[in-house]
Amino acid sequence: MSDVTLRLKGLTKTYLKGTPGEVQVLRGADLDLRAGEAVALVAPSGAGKSTLLHIAGLLDTPDAGSVEVAGQDVSGKGDRTRTAVRRRDVGFVYQFHHLLPEFTALENVTLPQLANGVPEREARDRAEDLLGRVSVAARADHRPAALSGGEQQRVAFCRALANRPRVLLADEPTGNLDPDTSDQVFDALMDLVRGTGLSALIATHNLELAARMDRVVRLEGGTLRPAE
């Protein structure tokens, strides 16, 4: 069985097609992401990294090309299939945490599991374990407003991994934090990735953080290539 958890092949994407303002952001982008691998995605502003992540995470569709997640080709599949694969196999982390403000940290990590049919006790145990791994277990009963920015983002990491995805996609996950907090939060994210064995594609402008991952790919001119 292949250890490729995410395969992007020949992705193209154009916005405002057929108009004077037409913009082709992807021009045959290819990427294989393997189990246990953390890959940094770097790109100039406006190069299309968010578009690439949205297509990889089945939130958007390419004009051409294919997407395979955990060995399943979802190209051309309907919304129901794509949603099922996304909920089962893909976790997301964004620059802003997007935690539900009326729920505690523990509840924010528990709720996605309940939505997937996990029994409540099992979901709570999983949430407590994840929060403990990123050193926020003592804050589990606090709502997001009572947490620091770094704590909020750590909870967001835990929520993204709550349903044991095969692939984690992160879009500038430390971009809203000061340098010291960014380092600490990035270390927590890497500990989670290494500890769970999933694959991670992490978009970042921080080249020092990028260099600490297994490899770095650059999106430029609509294609992906190894960063120099």
C-alpha atoms as a PDB file:
ATOM      1  CA  MET A   1       0.000   0.000   0.000  1.00  0.00           C
ATOM      2  CA  SER A   2       1.323   3.474  -0.908  1.00  0.00           C
ATOM      3  CA  ASP A   3       2.385   5.749   1.933  1.00  0.00           C
ATOM      4  CA  VAL A   4       1.249   8.812  -0.043  1.00  0.00           C
ATOM      5  CA  THR A   5      -1.558  10.421   1.930  1.00  0.00           C
ATOM      6  CA  LEU A   6      -2.109  13.406  -0.380  1.00  0.00           C
ATOM      7  CA  ARG A   7      -1.436  13.469  -4.104  1.00  0.00           C
ATOM      8  CA  LEU A   8      -2.035  16.562  -6.224  1.00  0.00           C
ATOM      9  CA  LYS A   9      -1.578  16.013  -9.944  1.00  0.00           C
ATOM     10  CA  GLY A  10      -1.695  18.596 -12.695  1.00  0.00           C
ATOM     11  CA  LEU A  11      -3.841  21.102 -10.813  1.00  0.00           C
ATOM     12  CA  THR A  12      -4.960  24.162 -12.745  1.00  0.00           C
ATOM     13  CA  LYS A  13      -7.182  26.966 -11.490  1.00  0.00           C
ATOM     14  CA  THR A  14      -8.208  30.190 -13.190  1.00  0.00           C
ATOM     15  CA  TYR A  15     -10.350  32.977 -11.760  1.00  0.00           C
ATOM     16  CA  LEU A  16     -12.510  35.319 -13.850  1.00  0.00           C
ATOM     17  CA  LYS A  17     -12.144  33.005 -16.828  1.00  0.00           C
ATOM     18  CA  GLY A  18     -12.772  34.607 -20.187  1.00  0.00           C
ATOM     19  CA  THR A  19     -12.543  38.165 -18.870  1.00  0.00           C
ATOM     20  CA  PRO A  20      -9.823  40.809 -19.265  1.00  0.00           C
ATOM     21  CA  GLY A  21      -8.970  40.307 -15.604  1.00  0.00           C
ATOM     22  CA  GLU A  22      -8.476  36.529 -15.913  1.00  0.00           C
ATOM     23  CA  VAL A  23      -5.903  35.179 -13.441  1.00  0.00           C
ATOM     24  CA  GLN A  24      -4.445  31.673 -13.684  1.00  0.00           C
ATOM     25  CA  VAL A  25      -3.143  30.855 -10.212  1.00  0.00           C
ATOM     26  CA  LEU A  26      -2.320  27.172 -10.734  1.00  0.00           C
ATOM     27  CA  ARG A  27      -0.696  25.834 -13.895  1.00  0.00           C
ATOM     28  CA  GLY A  28      -0.194  22.103 -13.473  1.00  0.00           C
ATOM     29  CA  ALA A  29       0.807  21.918  -9.806  1.00  0.00           C
ATOM     30  CA  ASP A  30       1.987  18.486  -8.585  1.00  0.00           C
ATOM     31  CA  LEU A  31       2.721  17.296  -5.041  1.00  0.00           C
ATOM     32  CA  ASP A  32       3.018  14.002  -3.160  1.00  0.00           C
ATOM     33  CA  LEU A  33       2.767  14.181   0.631  1.00  0.00           C
ATOM     34  CA  ARG A  34       3.834  11.061   2.519  1.00  0.00           C
ATOM     35  CA  ALA A  35       2.771   9.673   5.864  1.00  0.00           C
ATOM     36  CA  GLY A  36       4.649  11.236   8.763  1.00  0.00           C
ATOM     37  CA  GLU A  37       6.052  14.044   6.626  1.00  0.00           C
ATOM     38  CA  ALA A  38       5.864  17.763   7.406  1.00  0.00           C
ATOM     39  CA  VAL A  39       6.238  19.926   4.296  1.00  0.00           C
ATOM     40  CA  ALA A  40       6.490  23.707   4.260  1.00  0.00           C
ATOM     41  CA  LEU A  41       4.675  25.573   1.497  1.00  0.00           C
ATOM     42  CA  VAL A  42       6.187  28.970   0.734  1.00  0.00           C
ATOM     43  CA  ALA A  43       4.999  31.439  -1.855  1.00  0.00           C
ATOM     44  CA  PRO A  44       5.007  35.137  -2.702  1.00  0.00           C
ATOM     45  CA  SER A  45       1.885  37.014  -1.654  1.00  0.00           C
ATOM     46  CA  GLY A  46      -0.942  36.386  -4.092  1.00  0.00           C
ATOM     47  CA  ALA A  47       0.722  33.335  -5.645  1.00  0.00           C
ATOM     48  CA  GLY A  48      -2.214  31.078  -4.801  1.00  0.00           C
ATOM     49  CA  LYS A  49      -1.182  29.106  -1.717  1.00  0.00           C
ATOM     50  CA  SER A  50      -4.602  29.465  -0.088  1.00  0.00           C
ATOM     51  CA  THR A  51      -6.227  28.288  -3.332  1.00  0.00           C
ATOM     52  CA  LEU A  52      -3.913  25.279  -3.387  1.00  0.00           C
ATOM     53  CA  LEU A  53      -4.735  24.425   0.238  1.00  0.00           C
ATOM     54  CA  HIS A  54      -8.475  24.789  -0.361  1.00  0.00           C
ATOM     55  CA  ILE A  55      -8.298  22.441  -3.350  1.00  0.00           C
ATOM     56  CA  ALA A  56      -6.123  19.965  -1.426  1.00  0.00           C
ATOM     57  CA  GLY A  57      -8.627  20.053   1.433  1.00  0.00           C
ATOM     58  CA  LEU A  58     -11.625  19.571  -0.875  1.00  0.00           C
ATOM     59  CA  LEU A  59     -13.069  22.988  -0.100  1.00  0.00           C
ATOM     60  CA  ASP A  60     -12.642  24.024  -3.736  1.00  0.00           C
ATOM     61  CA  THR A  61     -12.304  22.213  -7.052  1.00  0.00           C
ATOM     62  CA  PRO A  62      -9.625  22.631  -9.724  1.00  0.00           C
ATOM     63  CA  ASP A  63     -10.403  23.392 -13.339  1.00  0.00           C
ATOM     64  CA  ALA A  64      -8.273  20.380 -14.250  1.00  0.00           C
ATOM     65  CA  GLY A  65      -6.095  17.826 -12.478  1.00  0.00           C
ATOM     66  CA  SER A  66      -6.729  15.336  -9.710  1.00  0.00           C
ATOM     67  CA  VAL A  67      -6.697  15.145  -5.918  1.00  0.00           C
ATOM     68  CA  GLU A  68      -6.169  11.888  -4.008  1.00  0.00           C
ATOM     69  CA  VAL A  69      -6.627  11.787  -0.235  1.00  0.00           C
ATOM     70  CA  ALA A  70      -5.571   8.661   1.664  1.00  0.00           C
ATOM     71  CA  GLY A  71      -5.503   6.721  -1.592  1.00  0.00           C
ATOM     72  CA  GLN A  72      -8.969   7.808  -2.740  1.00  0.00           C
ATOM     73  CA  ASP A  73      -9.267   9.823  -5.934  1.00  0.00           C
ATOM     74  CA  VAL A  74     -11.943  12.409  -5.262  1.00  0.00           C
ATOM     75  CA  SER A  75     -11.681  14.157  -8.627  1.00  0.00           C
ATOM     76  CA  GLY A  76     -15.154  14.724 -10.009  1.00  0.00           C
ATOM     77  CA  LYS A  77     -16.874  13.290  -6.951  1.00  0.00           C
ATOM     78  CA  GLY A  78     -20.039  14.874  -5.607  1.00  0.00           C
ATOM     79  CA  ASP A  79     -20.302  17.122  -2.576  1.00  0.00           C
ATOM     80  CA  ARG A  80     -21.432  14.301  -0.278  1.00  0.00           C
ATOM     81  CA  THR A  81     -18.380  12.146  -1.027  1.00  0.00           C
ATOM     82  CA  ARG A  82     -16.006  15.086  -0.811  1.00  0.00           C
ATOM     83  CA  THR A  83     -17.477  16.180   2.516  1.00  0.00           C
ATOM     84  CA  ALA A  84     -17.198  12.661   3.930  1.00  0.00           C
ATOM     85  CA  VAL A  85     -13.546  12.360   2.899  1.00  0.00           C
ATOM     86  CA  ARG A  86     -12.752  15.829   4.233  1.00  0.00           C
ATOM     87  CA  ARG A  87     -14.375  15.150   7.606  1.00  0.00           C
ATOM     88  CA  ARG A  88     -12.657  11.787   7.945  1.00  0.00           C
ATOM     89  CA  ASP A  89      -9.181  12.407   6.563  1.00  0.00           C
ATOM     90  CA  VAL A  90      -8.380  16.136   6.569  1.00  0.00           C
ATOM     91  CA  GLY A  91      -7.720  18.597   9.394  1.00  0.00           C
ATOM     92  CA  PHE A  92      -7.412  22.373   8.963  1.00  0.00           C
ATOM     93  CA  VAL A  93      -5.610  25.091  10.899  1.00  0.00           C
ATOM     94  CA  TYR A  94      -5.824  28.754   9.913  1.00  0.00           C
ATOM     95  CA  GLN A  95      -3.990  31.929  10.892  1.00  0.00           C
ATOM     96  CA  PHE A  96      -6.910  32.851  13.142  1.00  0.00           C
ATOM     97  CA  HIS A  97      -8.130  30.136  15.468  1.00  0.00           C
ATOM     98  CA  HIS A  98     -11.908  30.350  14.740  1.00  0.00           C
ATOM     99  CA  LEU A  99     -12.764  28.669  18.030  1.00  0.00           C
ATOM    100  CA  LEU A 100     -16.408  28.711  19.097  1.00  0.00           C
ATOM    101  CA  PRO A 101     -16.467  31.486  21.733  1.00  0.00           C
ATOM    102  CA  GLU A 102     -19.334  30.098  23.808  1.00  0.00           C
ATOM    103  CA  PHE A 103     -17.606  26.760  24.433  1.00  0.00           C
ATOM    104  CA  THR A 104     -14.585  25.860  26.543  1.00  0.00           C
ATOM    105  CA  ALA A 105     -11.297  24.660  25.121  1.00  0.00           C
ATOM    106  CA  LEU A 106     -12.240  21.086  25.976  1.00  0.00           C
ATOM    107  CA  GLU A 107     -15.647  21.443  24.347  1.00  0.00           C
ATOM    108  CA  ASN A 108     -14.122  22.961  21.195  1.00  0.00           C
ATOM    109  CA  VAL A 109     -11.991  19.839  20.764  1.00  0.00           C
ATOM    110  CA  THR A 110     -14.778  17.457  21.763  1.00  0.00           C
ATOM    111  CA  LEU A 111     -17.536  18.784  19.506  1.00  0.00           C
ATOM    112  CA  PRO A 112     -16.035  17.772  16.117  1.00  0.00           C
ATOM    113  CA  GLN A 113     -15.748  14.225  17.380  1.00  0.00           C
ATOM    114  CA  LEU A 114     -19.358  14.152  18.550  1.00  0.00           C
ATOM    115  CA  ALA A 115     -20.394  15.372  15.103  1.00  0.00           C
ATOM    116  CA  ASN A 116     -18.560  12.344  13.665  1.00  0.00           C
ATOM    117  CA  GLY A 117     -20.410   9.948  15.934  1.00  0.00           C
ATOM    118  CA  VAL A 118     -17.687   9.377  18.543  1.00  0.00           C
ATOM    119  CA  PRO A 119     -19.145   8.484  21.989  1.00  0.00           C
ATOM    120  CA  GLU A 120     -18.954  11.401  24.426  1.00  0.00           C
ATOM    121  CA  ARG A 121     -16.612   9.780  26.947  1.00  0.00           C
ATOM    122  CA  GLU A 122     -14.209   8.706  24.221  1.00  0.00           C
ATOM    123  CA  ALA A 123     -14.342  12.182  22.656  1.00  0.00           C
ATOM    124  CA  ARG A 124     -13.580  13.873  25.978  1.00  0.00           C
ATOM    125  CA  ASP A 125     -10.692  11.509  26.662  1.00  0.00           C
ATOM    126  CA  ARG A 126      -9.229  12.233  23.228  1.00  0.00           C
ATOM    127  CA  ALA A 127      -9.651  15.991  23.753  1.00  0.00           C
ATOM    128  CA  GLU A 128      -7.981  15.863  27.166  1.00  0.00           C
ATOM    129  CA  ASP A 129      -5.070  13.873  25.749  1.00  0.00           C
ATOM    130  CA  LEU A 130      -4.505  16.331  22.897  1.00  0.00           C
ATOM    131  CA  LEU A 131      -4.741  19.388  25.148  1.00  0.00           C
ATOM    132  CA  GLY A 132      -2.232  17.773  27.475  1.00  0.00           C
ATOM    133  CA  ARG A 133       0.218  17.243  24.620  1.00  0.00           C
ATOM    134  CA  VAL A 134       0.291  20.981  23.884  1.00  0.00           C
ATOM    135  CA  SER A 135       0.421  22.018  27.561  1.00  0.00           C
ATOM    136  CA  VAL A 136      -3.008  23.613  27.839  1.00  0.00           C
ATOM    137  CA  ALA A 137      -4.743  20.909  29.853  1.00  0.00           C
ATOM    138  CA  ALA A 138      -4.894  23.248  32.841  1.00  0.00           C
ATOM    139  CA  ARG A 139      -6.909  25.682  30.707  1.00  0.00           C
ATOM    140  CA  ALA A 140      -9.372  23.098  29.389  1.00  0.00           C
ATOM    141  CA  ASP A 141     -12.359  24.650  31.175  1.00  0.00           C
ATOM    142  CA  HIS A 142     -11.658  28.189  29.942  1.00  0.00           C
ATOM    143  CA  ARG A 143     -13.467  29.792  27.026  1.00  0.00           C
ATOM    144  CA  PRO A 144     -11.354  31.250  24.180  1.00  0.00           C
ATOM    145  CA  ALA A 145     -11.651  34.840  25.447  1.00  0.00           C
ATOM    146  CA  ALA A 146      -9.851  33.788  28.628  1.00  0.00           C
ATOM    147  CA  LEU A 147      -6.937  32.218  26.711  1.00  0.00           C
ATOM    148  CA  SER A 148      -3.857  33.876  25.274  1.00  0.00           C
ATOM    149  CA  GLY A 149      -3.361  33.976  21.518  1.00  0.00           C
ATOM    150  CA  GLY A 150      -0.862  31.132  21.683  1.00  0.00           C
ATOM    151  CA  GLU A 151      -3.185  29.041  23.837  1.00  0.00           C
ATOM    152  CA  GLN A 152      -6.073  29.631  21.457  1.00  0.00           C
ATOM    153  CA  GLN A 153      -4.012  28.462  18.496  1.00  0.00           C
ATOM    154  CA  ARG A 154      -2.868  25.346  20.374  1.00  0.00           C
ATOM    155  CA  VAL A 155      -6.499  24.496  21.034  1.00  0.00           C
ATOM    156  CA  ALA A 156      -7.182  25.022  17.325  1.00  0.00           C
ATOM    157  CA  PHE A 157      -4.435  22.495  16.521  1.00  0.00           C
ATOM    158  CA  CYS A 158      -6.047  19.984  18.853  1.00  0.00           C
ATOM    159  CA  ARG A 159      -9.447  20.547  17.273  1.00  0.00           C
ATOM    160  CA  ALA A 160      -7.963  19.963  13.800  1.00  0.00           C
ATOM    161  CA  LEU A 161      -6.513  16.623  14.945  1.00  0.00           C
ATOM    162  CA  ALA A 162      -9.455  15.516  17.065  1.00  0.00           C
ATOM    163  CA  ASN A 163     -10.883  13.149  14.444  1.00  0.00           C
ATOM    164  CA  ARG A 164      -7.506  11.562  13.659  1.00  0.00           C
ATOM    165  CA  PRO A 165      -7.116  12.888  10.102  1.00  0.00           C
ATOM    166  CA  ARG A 166      -4.520  11.504   7.747  1.00  0.00           C
ATOM    167  CA  VAL A 167      -3.578  14.954   6.431  1.00  0.00           C
ATOM    168  CA  LEU A 168      -3.206  18.298   8.209  1.00  0.00           C
ATOM    169  CA  LEU A 169      -3.371  21.497   6.153  1.00  0.00           C
ATOM    170  CA  ALA A 170      -2.300  24.729   7.826  1.00  0.00           C
ATOM    171  CA  ASP A 171      -2.423  28.241   6.375  1.00  0.00           C
ATOM    172  CA  GLU A 172       0.010  30.564   8.203  1.00  0.00           C
ATOM    173  CA  PRO A 173      -0.817  28.922  11.568  1.00  0.00           C
ATOM    174  CA  THR A 174       1.579  31.157  13.518  1.00  0.00           C
ATOM    175  CA  GLY A 175       1.231  34.274  11.376  1.00  0.00           C
ATOM    176  CA  ASN A 176      -0.841  36.161  13.943  1.00  0.00           C
ATOM    177  CA  LEU A 177       1.571  35.594  16.843  1.00  0.00           C
ATOM    178  CA  ASP A 178       4.648  37.390  18.124  1.00  0.00           C
ATOM    179  CA  PRO A 179       8.006  35.698  17.343  1.00  0.00           C
ATOM    180  CA  ASP A 180       8.513  34.038  20.749  1.00  0.00           C
ATOM    181  CA  THR A 181       4.948  32.713  20.901  1.00  0.00           C
ATOM    182  CA  SER A 182       5.175  31.663  17.267  1.00  0.00           C
ATOM    183  CA  ASP A 183       8.201  29.487  18.050  1.00  0.00           C
ATOM    184  CA  GLN A 184       6.472  27.862  21.017  1.00  0.00           C
ATOM    185  CA  VAL A 185       3.254  27.222  19.112  1.00  0.00           C
ATOM    186  CA  PHE A 186       5.137  25.844  16.117  1.00  0.00           C
ATOM    187  CA  ASP A 187       7.012  23.426  18.387  1.00  0.00           C
ATOM    188  CA  ALA A 188       3.682  22.294  19.829  1.00  0.00           C
ATOM    189  CA  LEU A 189       2.319  21.728  16.333  1.00  0.00           C
ATOM    190  CA  MET A 190       5.366  19.693  15.301  1.00  0.00           C
ATOM    191  CA  ASP A 191       5.089  17.600  18.464  1.00  0.00           C
ATOM    192  CA  LEU A 192       1.484  16.815  17.549  1.00  0.00           C
ATOM    193  CA  VAL A 193       2.394  15.966  13.965  1.00  0.00           C
ATOM    194  CA  ARG A 194       5.283  13.711  15.001  1.00  0.00           C
ATOM    195  CA  GLY A 195       3.281  12.144  17.814  1.00  0.00           C
ATOM    196  CA  THR A 196       0.314  11.219  15.648  1.00  0.00           C
ATOM    197  CA  GLY A 197       2.154  10.195  12.473  1.00  0.00           C
ATOM    198  CA  LEU A 198      -0.038  12.180  10.101  1.00  0.00           C
ATOM    199  CA  SER A 199       1.168  14.251   7.143  1.00  0.00           C
ATOM    200  CA  ALA A 200       1.246  18.035   7.247  1.00  0.00           C
ATOM    201  CA  LEU A 201       1.358  20.698   4.542  1.00  0.00           C
ATOM    202  CA  ILE A 202       2.017  24.019   6.255  1.00  0.00           C
ATOM    203  CA  ALA A 203       1.981  27.344   4.432  1.00  0.00           C
ATOM    204  CA  THR A 204       4.258  29.902   6.053  1.00  0.00           C
ATOM    205  CA  HIS A 205       6.134  33.093   5.269  1.00  0.00           C
ATOM    206  CA  ASN A 206       8.555  32.319   8.092  1.00  0.00           C
ATOM    207  CA  LEU A 207      11.574  30.766   6.391  1.00  0.00           C
ATOM    208  CA  GLU A 208      13.172  29.799   9.719  1.00  0.00           C
ATOM    209  CA  LEU A 209      10.117  27.713  10.607  1.00  0.00           C
ATOM    210  CA  ALA A 210       9.984  26.312   7.085  1.00  0.00           C
ATOM    211  CA  ALA A 211      13.587  25.114   7.374  1.00  0.00           C
ATOM    212  CA  ARG A 212      12.660  23.030  10.428  1.00  0.00           C
ATOM    213  CA  MET A 213      10.285  20.852   8.424  1.00  0.00           C
ATOM    214  CA  ASP A 214      11.206  17.800   6.377  1.00  0.00           C
ATOM    215  CA  ARG A 215      11.257  19.694   3.096  1.00  0.00           C
ATOM    216  CA  VAL A 216      10.167  22.959   1.558  1.00  0.00           C
ATOM    217  CA  VAL A 217       8.217  23.443  -1.671  1.00  0.00           C
ATOM    218  CA  ARG A 218       7.677  26.781  -3.379  1.00  0.00           C
ATOM    219  CA  LEU A 219       4.571  27.814  -5.287  1.00  0.00           C
ATOM    220  CA  GLU A 220       5.501  30.279  -7.996  1.00  0.00           C
ATOM    221  CA  GLY A 221       4.171  30.813 -11.479  1.00  0.00           C
ATOM    222  CA  GLY A 222       1.368  28.359 -10.732  1.00  0.00           C
ATOM    223  CA  THR A 223       3.615  25.328 -10.204  1.00  0.00           C
ATOM    224  CA  LEU A 224       5.309  23.671  -7.247  1.00  0.00           C
ATOM    225  CA  ARG A 225       9.032  23.002  -7.059  1.00  0.00           C
ATOM    226  CA  PRO A 226      11.584  22.296  -4.334  1.00  0.00           C
ATOM    227  CA  ALA A 227      12.706  25.512  -2.651  1.00  0.00           C
ATOM    228  CA  GLU A 228      16.307  26.472  -3.254  1.00  0.00           C
END
